[in-house]
Protein backbone atom coordinates (compact mmCIF):
# COMPACT_ATOMS: atom_id res chain seq x y z
CA UNK A 1 170.85 96.10 52.60
CA UNK A 2 170.67 98.29 49.71
CA UNK A 3 173.24 97.09 47.16
CA UNK A 4 173.92 101.38 46.54
CA UNK A 5 174.09 103.58 48.92
CA UNK A 6 172.92 106.58 46.70
CA UNK A 7 174.11 109.05 49.77
CA UNK A 8 172.77 112.22 49.86
CA UNK A 9 175.47 115.16 49.56
CA UNK A 10 176.27 117.58 51.48
CA UNK A 11 178.09 120.82 50.16
CA UNK A 12 180.84 121.55 53.06
CA UNK A 13 183.00 124.69 52.55
CA UNK A 14 185.41 123.28 55.53
CA UNK A 15 184.56 119.11 56.30
CA UNK A 16 185.63 117.25 59.68
CA UNK A 17 184.76 113.45 59.91
CA UNK A 18 185.34 111.79 63.12
CA UNK A 19 186.89 108.20 62.76
CA UNK A 20 184.82 105.46 63.98
CA UNK A 21 186.29 103.85 67.50
CA UNK A 22 188.04 101.05 65.59
CA UNK A 23 187.00 99.02 68.32
CA UNK A 24 183.63 99.47 68.15
CA UNK A 25 181.20 97.77 67.10
CA UNK A 26 178.31 98.25 64.48
CA UNK A 27 174.43 98.89 65.64
CA UNK A 28 172.26 95.66 66.03
CA UNK A 29 170.03 93.74 68.28
CA UNK A 30 169.32 90.05 68.51
CA UNK A 31 165.76 88.46 68.60
CA UNK A 32 166.30 84.85 69.97
CA UNK A 33 163.15 82.51 69.06
CA UNK A 34 162.23 78.79 69.58
CA UNK A 35 160.62 75.61 67.72
CA UNK A 36 159.15 73.52 69.97
CA UNK A 37 160.86 69.35 69.74
CA UNK A 38 159.69 67.02 72.21
CA UNK A 39 160.65 63.18 72.72
CA UNK A 40 161.87 60.73 75.45
CA UNK A 41 164.49 59.11 73.76
CA UNK A 42 167.50 60.83 72.41
CA UNK A 43 166.83 59.47 68.96
CA UNK A 44 162.91 60.55 69.45
CA UNK A 45 164.51 64.28 69.95
CA UNK A 46 167.27 64.25 67.12
CA UNK A 47 164.01 63.21 64.83
CA UNK A 48 162.29 66.31 66.08
CA UNK A 49 164.61 68.85 65.28
CA UNK A 50 165.22 66.88 61.88
CA UNK A 51 161.40 66.96 60.59
CA UNK A 52 160.51 70.57 62.72
CA UNK A 53 163.75 72.52 62.70
CA UNK A 54 164.54 75.53 60.05
CA UNK A 55 164.62 74.93 56.66
CA UNK A 56 166.77 77.42 54.56
CA UNK A 57 166.82 76.92 50.92
CA UNK A 58 166.22 73.65 50.28
CA UNK A 59 168.47 72.71 53.48
CA UNK A 60 167.42 71.62 56.89
CA UNK A 61 169.25 72.72 59.93
CA UNK A 62 169.10 72.31 63.91
CA UNK A 63 169.54 76.25 64.12
CA UNK A 64 169.42 79.59 62.04
CA UNK A 65 170.47 82.97 62.09
CA UNK A 66 168.98 85.45 60.00
CA UNK A 67 170.92 88.80 60.01
CA UNK A 68 168.82 92.02 57.92
CA UNK A 69 171.13 94.84 57.81
CA UNK A 70 170.29 98.33 56.33
CA UNK A 71 173.00 101.34 56.40
CA UNK A 72 172.84 104.77 56.77
CA UNK A 73 175.16 108.02 55.87
CA UNK A 74 175.82 110.73 53.65
CA UNK A 75 178.47 111.83 51.12
CA UNK A 76 180.37 115.29 51.97
CA UNK A 77 181.47 117.15 49.14
CA UNK A 78 184.38 119.82 50.07
CA UNK A 79 187.84 120.08 48.67
CA UNK A 80 187.14 116.59 48.64
CA UNK A 81 184.34 114.03 48.79
CA UNK A 82 184.13 111.61 51.36
CA UNK A 83 181.61 109.68 53.41
CA UNK A 84 180.09 111.09 57.32
CA UNK A 85 178.37 109.54 59.39
CA UNK A 86 177.98 105.97 57.97
CA UNK A 87 177.15 103.11 60.49
CA UNK A 88 175.50 99.68 59.50
CA UNK A 89 172.94 98.31 61.86
CA UNK A 90 172.40 94.43 61.76
CA UNK A 91 169.07 92.57 63.07
CA UNK A 92 169.49 89.10 64.28
CA UNK A 93 166.48 86.70 64.94
CA UNK A 94 168.95 83.68 66.14
CA UNK A 95 166.19 79.95 65.80
CA UNK A 96 167.13 77.30 68.06
CA UNK A 97 165.42 74.73 69.28
CA UNK A 98 163.70 74.00 72.97
CA UNK A 99 162.79 70.65 74.45
CA UNK A 100 158.98 70.67 75.48
CA UNK A 101 159.13 68.55 78.31
CA UNK A 102 163.08 67.35 79.14
CA UNK A 103 161.87 66.45 82.42
CA UNK A 104 161.24 63.23 80.01
CA UNK A 105 164.52 61.99 79.54
CA UNK A 106 166.71 60.41 81.42
CA UNK A 107 169.33 62.71 83.54
CA UNK A 108 172.03 61.71 81.83
CA UNK A 109 170.47 62.26 78.36
CA UNK A 110 169.16 65.84 79.06
CA UNK A 111 172.65 66.22 80.56
CA UNK A 112 174.07 65.79 76.77
CA UNK A 113 171.09 67.53 75.03
CA UNK A 114 171.86 70.65 77.58
CA UNK A 115 175.26 70.52 75.92
CA UNK A 116 174.92 70.09 72.75
CA UNK A 117 171.56 72.67 73.15
CA UNK A 118 174.42 75.31 74.29
CA UNK A 119 176.91 73.85 71.97
CA UNK A 120 173.79 74.96 69.12
CA UNK A 121 173.43 78.53 70.71
CA UNK A 122 177.18 78.98 70.72
CA UNK A 123 177.37 78.63 67.31
CA UNK A 124 174.85 81.04 65.76
CA UNK A 125 176.59 83.27 68.18
CA UNK A 126 179.51 83.09 66.61
CA UNK A 127 178.09 84.29 63.28
CA UNK A 128 176.62 87.15 64.85
CA UNK A 129 180.07 87.70 65.31
CA UNK A 130 181.24 86.94 62.51
CA UNK A 131 178.72 89.39 60.80
CA UNK A 132 179.18 92.31 63.55
CA UNK A 133 183.35 92.08 62.44
CA UNK A 134 183.19 92.12 59.28
CA UNK A 135 180.52 94.58 58.80
CA UNK A 136 182.81 96.71 61.36
CA UNK A 137 186.00 96.25 59.18
CA UNK A 138 182.75 97.82 56.06
CA UNK A 139 182.81 100.84 58.53
CA UNK A 140 186.46 101.68 58.67
CA UNK A 141 186.97 101.25 55.12
CA UNK A 142 184.33 103.77 54.28
CA UNK A 143 185.59 105.88 56.25
CA UNK A 144 189.02 105.82 54.65
CA UNK A 145 187.25 106.75 51.04
CA UNK A 146 188.34 110.18 49.85
CA UNK A 147 187.88 111.53 45.59
CA UNK A 148 187.75 114.19 43.89
CA UNK A 149 183.88 113.05 43.09
CA UNK A 150 180.77 111.76 45.32
CA UNK A 151 179.53 109.14 42.51
CA UNK A 152 183.93 108.00 42.27
CA UNK A 153 182.87 107.93 46.55
CA UNK A 154 179.55 106.14 46.03
CA UNK A 155 180.88 103.47 43.73
CA UNK A 156 183.77 102.69 46.03
CA UNK A 157 181.70 102.41 48.62
CA UNK A 158 179.46 100.26 46.52
CA UNK A 159 182.48 97.92 45.62
CA UNK A 160 183.21 98.09 49.55
CA UNK A 161 180.74 97.03 50.43
CA UNK A 162 179.80 93.69 47.53
CA UNK A 163 183.92 92.43 48.73
CA UNK A 164 182.98 92.56 51.79
CA UNK A 165 179.80 90.20 51.33
CA UNK A 166 181.46 87.84 49.48
CA UNK A 167 184.53 87.36 52.05
CA UNK A 168 182.41 87.35 54.96
CA UNK A 169 179.99 84.45 52.62
CA UNK A 170 183.54 82.69 52.59
CA UNK A 171 183.69 82.83 56.57
CA UNK A 172 180.82 81.54 57.45
CA UNK A 173 181.31 78.69 54.82
CA UNK A 174 184.58 77.89 56.21
CA UNK A 175 183.24 78.23 60.27
CA UNK A 176 180.54 76.14 59.16
CA UNK A 177 182.82 73.17 57.75
CA UNK A 178 184.25 73.62 60.83
CA UNK A 179 181.36 72.77 62.95
CA UNK A 180 179.75 70.31 61.24
CA UNK A 181 182.58 68.15 61.67
CA UNK A 182 182.08 68.49 65.25
CA UNK A 183 178.80 68.02 65.16
CA UNK A 184 179.24 63.90 64.68
CA UNK A 185 181.14 64.31 67.69
CA UNK A 186 179.28 65.68 69.74
CA UNK A 187 178.14 63.48 72.78
CA UNK A 188 174.76 63.91 72.23
CA UNK A 189 174.59 62.79 68.80
CA UNK A 190 177.14 59.74 69.23
CA UNK A 191 174.32 58.76 71.74
CA UNK A 192 171.70 59.00 69.06
CA UNK A 193 174.25 57.64 66.46
CA UNK A 194 174.72 54.05 68.96
CA UNK A 195 171.40 54.19 69.24
CA UNK A 196 169.52 53.48 65.39
CA UNK A 197 173.28 51.14 65.12
CA UNK A 198 173.55 52.96 61.73
CA UNK A 199 174.50 56.19 60.00
CA UNK A 200 172.66 59.30 60.42
CA UNK A 201 173.10 62.27 58.05
CA UNK A 202 173.96 65.39 60.46
CA UNK A 203 172.09 68.39 59.09
CA UNK A 204 173.25 71.68 58.61
CA UNK A 205 174.84 73.18 61.47
CA UNK A 206 173.07 75.96 60.16
CA UNK A 207 171.70 77.69 57.80
CA UNK A 208 172.05 81.43 57.11
CA UNK A 209 169.49 83.07 55.94
CA UNK A 210 170.36 86.74 54.55
CA UNK A 211 167.80 89.78 53.89
CA UNK A 212 169.43 93.12 52.70
CA UNK A 213 166.74 96.07 52.50
């Protein structure tokens, strides 16, 4: 997303701006991609995830979510300046592991793997929900801007965007920290630990890759 709104200014004698539905989500798309892993033991599958999984900013991850954001809107100048038709759109790409041959695992191990795979998917989709909630809140705040000067309105909207990114990043980090503890307690990872008989440093549950335009 652009660091500045630079919204176009529309002169109008009478202004009317419909407020967005407080419960409506910003526009978004979601695409799922997969990296293929193989193995006939829990340890082999786990090591394949660590070896082939996403790597963002130098950190290994089991899965990741990339969020590419864009925004549209215009500044309308009348008796006051306000933002009209403001909308955020976020395109998500969620990357997850996929086992090439699930039948290579014994039934009990395959069940634990499926549970872990679903855990990762739910985790990434929660990150998506956090982004959308942050964006929805930003939309509401931007629509509430009313100033005498459109340059001031643009600056306020840009400041709100910066604050949203910072506060949302803290929410993601807190969520990851809490989930990381769950990873080591997950039945699949515990099975790996028991077989290896030593501590295995879990990869980050997710490394969020943020794109701006």
